[in-house]
C-alpha atoms as a PDB file:
ATOM      1  CA  UNK A   1      49.411-107.383 165.788  1.00  0.00           C
ATOM      2  CA  UNK A   2      47.351-106.756 169.021  1.00  0.00           C
ATOM      3  CA  UNK A   3      44.773-109.213 168.127  1.00  0.00           C
ATOM      4  CA  UNK A   4      47.356-111.739 167.634  1.00  0.00           C
ATOM      5  CA  UNK A   5      48.831-111.322 171.240  1.00  0.00           C
ATOM      6  CA  UNK A   6      44.960-112.034 172.265  1.00  0.00           C
ATOM      7  CA  UNK A   7      44.558-114.814 169.987  1.00  0.00           C
ATOM      8  CA  UNK A   8      47.014-116.966 171.607  1.00  0.00           C
ATOM      9  CA  UNK A   9      45.775-117.562 175.072  1.00  0.00           C
ATOM     10  CA  UNK A  10      41.995-118.096 173.773  1.00  0.00           C
ATOM     11  CA  UNK A  11      43.929-120.935 171.222  1.00  0.00           C
ATOM     12  CA  UNK A  12      45.669-122.419 174.168  1.00  0.00           C
ATOM     13  CA  UNK A  13      42.643-122.564 176.222  1.00  0.00           C
ATOM     14  CA  UNK A  14      40.641-123.958 173.300  1.00  0.00           C
ATOM     15  CA  UNK A  15      43.345-126.268 172.976  1.00  0.00           C
ATOM     16  CA  UNK A  16      43.495-127.568 176.288  1.00  0.00           C
ATOM     17  CA  UNK A  17      39.635-127.860 176.584  1.00  0.00           C
ATOM     18  CA  UNK A  18      39.234-130.223 173.607  1.00  0.00           C
ATOM     19  CA  UNK A  19      42.598-132.071 175.217  1.00  0.00           C
ATOM     20  CA  UNK A  20      40.653-132.877 178.307  1.00  0.00           C
ATOM     21  CA  UNK A  21      37.180-133.670 176.254  1.00  0.00           C
ATOM     22  CA  UNK A  22      39.235-135.951 173.810  1.00  0.00           C
ATOM     23  CA  UNK A  23      42.637-137.012 174.450  1.00  0.00           C
ATOM     24  CA  UNK A  24      43.162-138.756 171.321  1.00  0.00           C
ATOM     25  CA  UNK A  25      42.654-135.303 169.346  1.00  0.00           C
ATOM     26  CA  UNK A  26      46.150-133.999 171.025  1.00  0.00           C
ATOM     27  CA  UNK A  27      48.023-134.922 167.721  1.00  0.00           C
ATOM     28  CA  UNK A  28      45.788-132.805 165.979  1.00  0.00           C
ATOM     29  CA  UNK A  29      45.620-130.002 168.376  1.00  0.00           C
ATOM     30  CA  UNK A  30      49.036-129.557 168.501  1.00  0.00           C
ATOM     31  CA  UNK A  31      49.963-129.494 165.026  1.00  0.00           C
ATOM     32  CA  UNK A  32      47.103-127.328 164.046  1.00  0.00           C
ATOM     33  CA  UNK A  33      48.386-124.698 166.911  1.00  0.00           C
ATOM     34  CA  UNK A  34      51.975-125.121 165.671  1.00  0.00           C
ATOM     35  CA  UNK A  35      50.669-124.231 162.152  1.00  0.00           C
ATOM     36  CA  UNK A  36      49.056-121.519 163.068  1.00  0.00           C
ATOM     37  CA  UNK A  37      51.474-120.127 165.343  1.00  0.00           C
ATOM     38  CA  UNK A  38      53.830-120.301 162.461  1.00  0.00           C
ATOM     39  CA  UNK A  39      51.621-118.822 159.925  1.00  0.00           C
ATOM     40  CA  UNK A  40      50.769-115.995 162.207  1.00  0.00           C
ATOM     41  CA  UNK A  41      54.756-115.259 162.918  1.00  0.00           C
ATOM     42  CA  UNK A  42      55.312-115.276 159.176  1.00  0.00           C
ATOM     43  CA  UNK A  43      52.574-112.516 158.607  1.00  0.00           C
ATOM     44  CA  UNK A  44      53.995-110.549 161.100  1.00  0.00           C
END
């Protein structure tokens, strides 16, 4: 559980950097982020 809490801010920072570099990637980044958060939420 502790690693999950630490993983979320890191994923958010990486997603933000990707969106700044390549705005067209926004849809993919958001979709992957939501899927990861959902899967991690189910596994807890």
